C-alpha atoms as a PDB file:
ATOM      1  CA  MET A   1      75.404 107.506  69.811  1.00  0.00           C
ATOM      2  CA  ILE A   2      78.719 107.358  71.697  1.00  0.00           C
ATOM      3  CA  VAL A   3      78.009 110.675  73.411  1.00  0.00           C
ATOM      4  CA  GLU A   4      74.683 109.246  74.604  1.00  0.00           C
ATOM      5  CA  LEU A   5      76.483 106.227  76.082  1.00  0.00           C
ATOM      6  CA  LEU A   6      78.949 108.467  77.900  1.00  0.00           C
ATOM      7  CA  LYS A   7      76.351 110.757  79.459  1.00  0.00           C
ATOM      8  CA  ASP A   8      76.204 110.649  83.216  1.00  0.00           C
ATOM      9  CA  PRO A   9      73.518 108.497  84.822  1.00  0.00           C
ATOM     10  CA  PRO A  10      70.931 110.226  87.039  1.00  0.00           C
ATOM     11  CA  ALA A  11      72.345 111.718  90.248  1.00  0.00           C
ATOM     12  CA  GLN A  12      72.708 109.307  93.142  1.00  0.00           C
ATOM     13  CA  SER A  13      73.961 109.554  96.685  1.00  0.00           C
ATOM     14  CA  PRO A  14      77.779 109.897  97.017  1.00  0.00           C
ATOM     15  CA  PRO A  15      79.661 106.594  96.744  1.00  0.00           C
ATOM     16  CA  PRO A  16      81.109 105.096  99.923  1.00  0.00           C
ATOM     17  CA  GLY A  17      84.842 105.472 100.526  1.00  0.00           C
ATOM     18  CA  GLY A  18      86.953 103.448  98.079  1.00  0.00           C
ATOM     19  CA  ALA A  19      84.106 103.065  95.583  1.00  0.00           C
ATOM     20  CA  GLU A  20      83.954 104.361  92.017  1.00  0.00           C
ATOM     21  CA  ARG A  21      84.653 108.126  92.044  1.00  0.00           C
ATOM     22  CA  ARG A  22      84.896 108.917  88.334  1.00  0.00           C
ATOM     23  CA  ARG A  23      82.942 111.914  87.110  1.00  0.00           C
ATOM     24  CA  SER A  24      81.466 110.120  84.099  1.00  0.00           C
ATOM     25  CA  ARG A  25      80.681 106.639  82.885  1.00  0.00           C
ATOM     26  CA  ARG A  26      83.409 104.697  81.024  1.00  0.00           C
ATOM     27  CA  LEU A  27      82.776 103.004  77.697  1.00  0.00           C
ATOM     28  CA  PRO A  28      84.925  99.900  77.160  1.00  0.00           C
ATOM     29  CA  VAL A  29      86.800  99.963  73.838  1.00  0.00           C
ATOM     30  CA  THR A  30      89.843  98.331  72.286  1.00  0.00           C
ATOM     31  CA  LEU A  31      91.417 100.789  69.864  1.00  0.00           C
ATOM     32  CA  PRO A  32      94.967 101.633  68.823  1.00  0.00           C
ATOM     33  CA  GLY A  33      96.198 105.113  69.642  1.00  0.00           C
ATOM     34  CA  SER A  34      99.360 107.158  69.744  1.00  0.00           C
ATOM     35  CA  LEU A  35     100.769 109.714  72.174  1.00  0.00           C
ATOM     36  CA  MET A  36     102.998 112.682  71.385  1.00  0.00           C
ATOM     37  CA  PRO A  37     104.620 114.477  74.351  1.00  0.00           C
ATOM     38  CA  LEU A  38     103.595 118.084  74.979  1.00  0.00           C
ATOM     39  CA  ASP A  39     105.808 120.898  76.190  1.00  0.00           C
ATOM     40  CA  PRO A  40     104.814 121.532  79.846  1.00  0.00           C
ATOM     41  CA  VAL A  41     104.695 125.321  79.373  1.00  0.00           C
ATOM     42  CA  THR A  42     103.150 125.821  75.939  1.00  0.00           C
ATOM     43  CA  HIS A  43     101.176 122.533  75.725  1.00  0.00           C
ATOM     44  CA  LEU A  44     102.332 122.207  72.110  1.00  0.00           C
ATOM     45  CA  THR A  45     103.765 119.013  70.651  1.00  0.00           C
ATOM     46  CA  VAL A  46     107.508 118.714  71.284  1.00  0.00           C
ATOM     47  CA  PRO A  47     109.287 119.043  67.892  1.00  0.00           C
ATOM     48  CA  GLY A  48     111.112 115.892  66.807  1.00  0.00           C
ATOM     49  CA  ALA A  49     109.627 113.743  69.585  1.00  0.00           C
ATOM     50  CA  ALA A  50     108.738 110.147  68.800  1.00  0.00           C
ATOM     51  CA  ALA A  51     105.174 108.874  69.128  1.00  0.00           C
ATOM     52  CA  THR A  52     104.332 106.193  71.688  1.00  0.00           C
ATOM     53  CA  ASP A  53     101.858 103.510  70.602  1.00  0.00           C
ATOM     54  CA  VAL A  54      99.111 102.698  73.104  1.00  0.00           C
ATOM     55  CA  GLN A  55      95.958 100.651  73.270  1.00  0.00           C
ATOM     56  CA  VAL A  56      92.894 102.566  74.435  1.00  0.00           C
ATOM     57  CA  ARG A  57      90.946 100.319  76.819  1.00  0.00           C
ATOM     58  CA  ASN A  58      88.123 102.644  77.882  1.00  0.00           C
ATOM     59  CA  VAL A  59      86.993 106.217  77.335  1.00  0.00           C
ATOM     60  CA  SER A  60      84.686 108.679  79.082  1.00  0.00           C
ATOM     61  CA  LEU A  61      83.792 112.343  78.723  1.00  0.00           C
ATOM     62  CA  HIS A  62      86.606 113.249  81.130  1.00  0.00           C
ATOM     63  CA  GLY A  63      89.402 110.783  80.354  1.00  0.00           C
ATOM     64  CA  ALA A  64      90.559 107.403  79.139  1.00  0.00           C
ATOM     65  CA  GLY A  65      92.294 104.215  80.205  1.00  0.00           C
ATOM     66  CA  LEU A  66      95.362 103.257  78.199  1.00  0.00           C
ATOM     67  CA  ARG A  67      97.677 100.251  78.051  1.00  0.00           C
ATOM     68  CA  CYS A  68     101.274 100.785  76.957  1.00  0.00           C
ATOM     69  CA  ALA A  69     104.763  99.297  77.140  1.00  0.00           C
ATOM     70  CA  THR A  70     106.332 102.061  79.243  1.00  0.00           C
ATOM     71  CA  ALA A  71     105.592 103.805  82.528  1.00  0.00           C
ATOM     72  CA  MET A  72     104.379 107.392  82.439  1.00  0.00           C
ATOM     73  CA  ALA A  73     104.886 109.971  85.164  1.00  0.00           C
ATOM     74  CA  ASP A  74     101.922 111.611  86.865  1.00  0.00           C
ATOM     75  CA  ASP A  75     101.069 115.043  85.413  1.00  0.00           C
ATOM     76  CA  ASP A  76     102.987 114.441  82.145  1.00  0.00           C
ATOM     77  CA  ALA A  77     101.020 115.868  79.210  1.00  0.00           C
ATOM     78  CA  TYR A  78     100.528 114.294  75.785  1.00  0.00           C
ATOM     79  CA  HIS A  79      98.481 114.652  72.635  1.00  0.00           C
ATOM     80  CA  LEU A  80      96.340 111.512  72.165  1.00  0.00           C
ATOM     81  CA  ASP A  81      95.286 110.429  68.679  1.00  0.00           C
ATOM     82  CA  ILE A  82      92.708 107.709  68.191  1.00  0.00           C
ATOM     83  CA  GLY A  83      91.902 107.544  64.511  1.00  0.00           C
ATOM     84  CA  PRO A  84      90.699 104.236  63.126  1.00  0.00           C
ATOM     85  CA  GLY A  85      87.316 102.775  63.930  1.00  0.00           C
ATOM     86  CA  PRO A  86      84.037 104.346  65.039  1.00  0.00           C
ATOM     87  CA  LEU A  87      85.637 106.656  67.624  1.00  0.00           C
ATOM     88  CA  LYS A  88      87.995 109.451  66.577  1.00  0.00           C
ATOM     89  CA  ILE A  89      89.669 111.502  69.295  1.00  0.00           C
ATOM     90  CA  HIS A  90      92.405 114.106  69.016  1.00  0.00           C
ATOM     91  CA  ALA A  91      92.887 115.567  72.487  1.00  0.00           C
ATOM     92  CA  ARG A  92      95.380 116.811  75.046  1.00  0.00           C
ATOM     93  CA  ILE A  93      95.667 114.498  78.040  1.00  0.00           C
ATOM     94  CA  ARG A  94      97.375 114.515  81.430  1.00  0.00           C
ATOM     95  CA  VAL A  95      98.539 111.322  83.172  1.00  0.00           C
ATOM     96  CA  ARG A  96      96.769 110.709  86.478  1.00  0.00           C
ATOM     97  CA  SER A  97      97.922 107.159  87.297  1.00  0.00           C
ATOM     98  CA  SER A  98     100.310 104.517  85.973  1.00  0.00           C
ATOM     99  CA  ARG A  99     100.403 100.950  87.303  1.00  0.00           C
ATOM    100  CA  GLN A 100     102.507  98.061  86.067  1.00  0.00           C
ATOM    101  CA  ARG A 101     100.718  94.818  85.271  1.00  0.00           C
ATOM    102  CA  ARG A 102     102.031  91.308  85.834  1.00  0.00           C
ATOM    103  CA  ASP A 103     102.716  90.942  82.109  1.00  0.00           C
ATOM    104  CA  GLY A 104     105.084  93.949  82.183  1.00  0.00           C
ATOM    105  CA  LEU A 105     102.725  96.360  80.405  1.00  0.00           C
ATOM    106  CA  TRP A 106     101.356  99.482  82.094  1.00  0.00           C
ATOM    107  CA  ASP A 107      97.761 100.557  82.727  1.00  0.00           C
ATOM    108  CA  VAL A 108      97.651 104.339  82.518  1.00  0.00           C
ATOM    109  CA  GLY A 109      94.719 106.556  83.526  1.00  0.00           C
ATOM    110  CA  VAL A 110      94.535 109.939  81.809  1.00  0.00           C
ATOM    111  CA  GLU A 111      92.236 112.957  81.901  1.00  0.00           C
ATOM    112  CA  PHE A 112      91.401 115.292  79.045  1.00  0.00           C
ATOM    113  CA  PHE A 113      92.325 118.972  79.453  1.00  0.00           C
END
């Protein structure tokens, strides 16, 4: 069922500049998750590294939107685990954007790779 919700809608004309440019539809969710940093060369979990707790705010076939307490640098790679609830994801991700909110938390956009 979730895969059906994430499927792309029928092809339309290209969006105007500044409009939505994502490759696939986002599904809003509110799920806890955790990130483990990956070695930039091997893409394996860094031994002894601490996990970072995040809240997954939306997910698509190509990426996810996260909320966390710390900033993340563009192109940093992590292993994302979302376990509880109806959606289980264990995937490698790469940070594409990180913006601080007024409440001090960070909205982070990531893509799966």
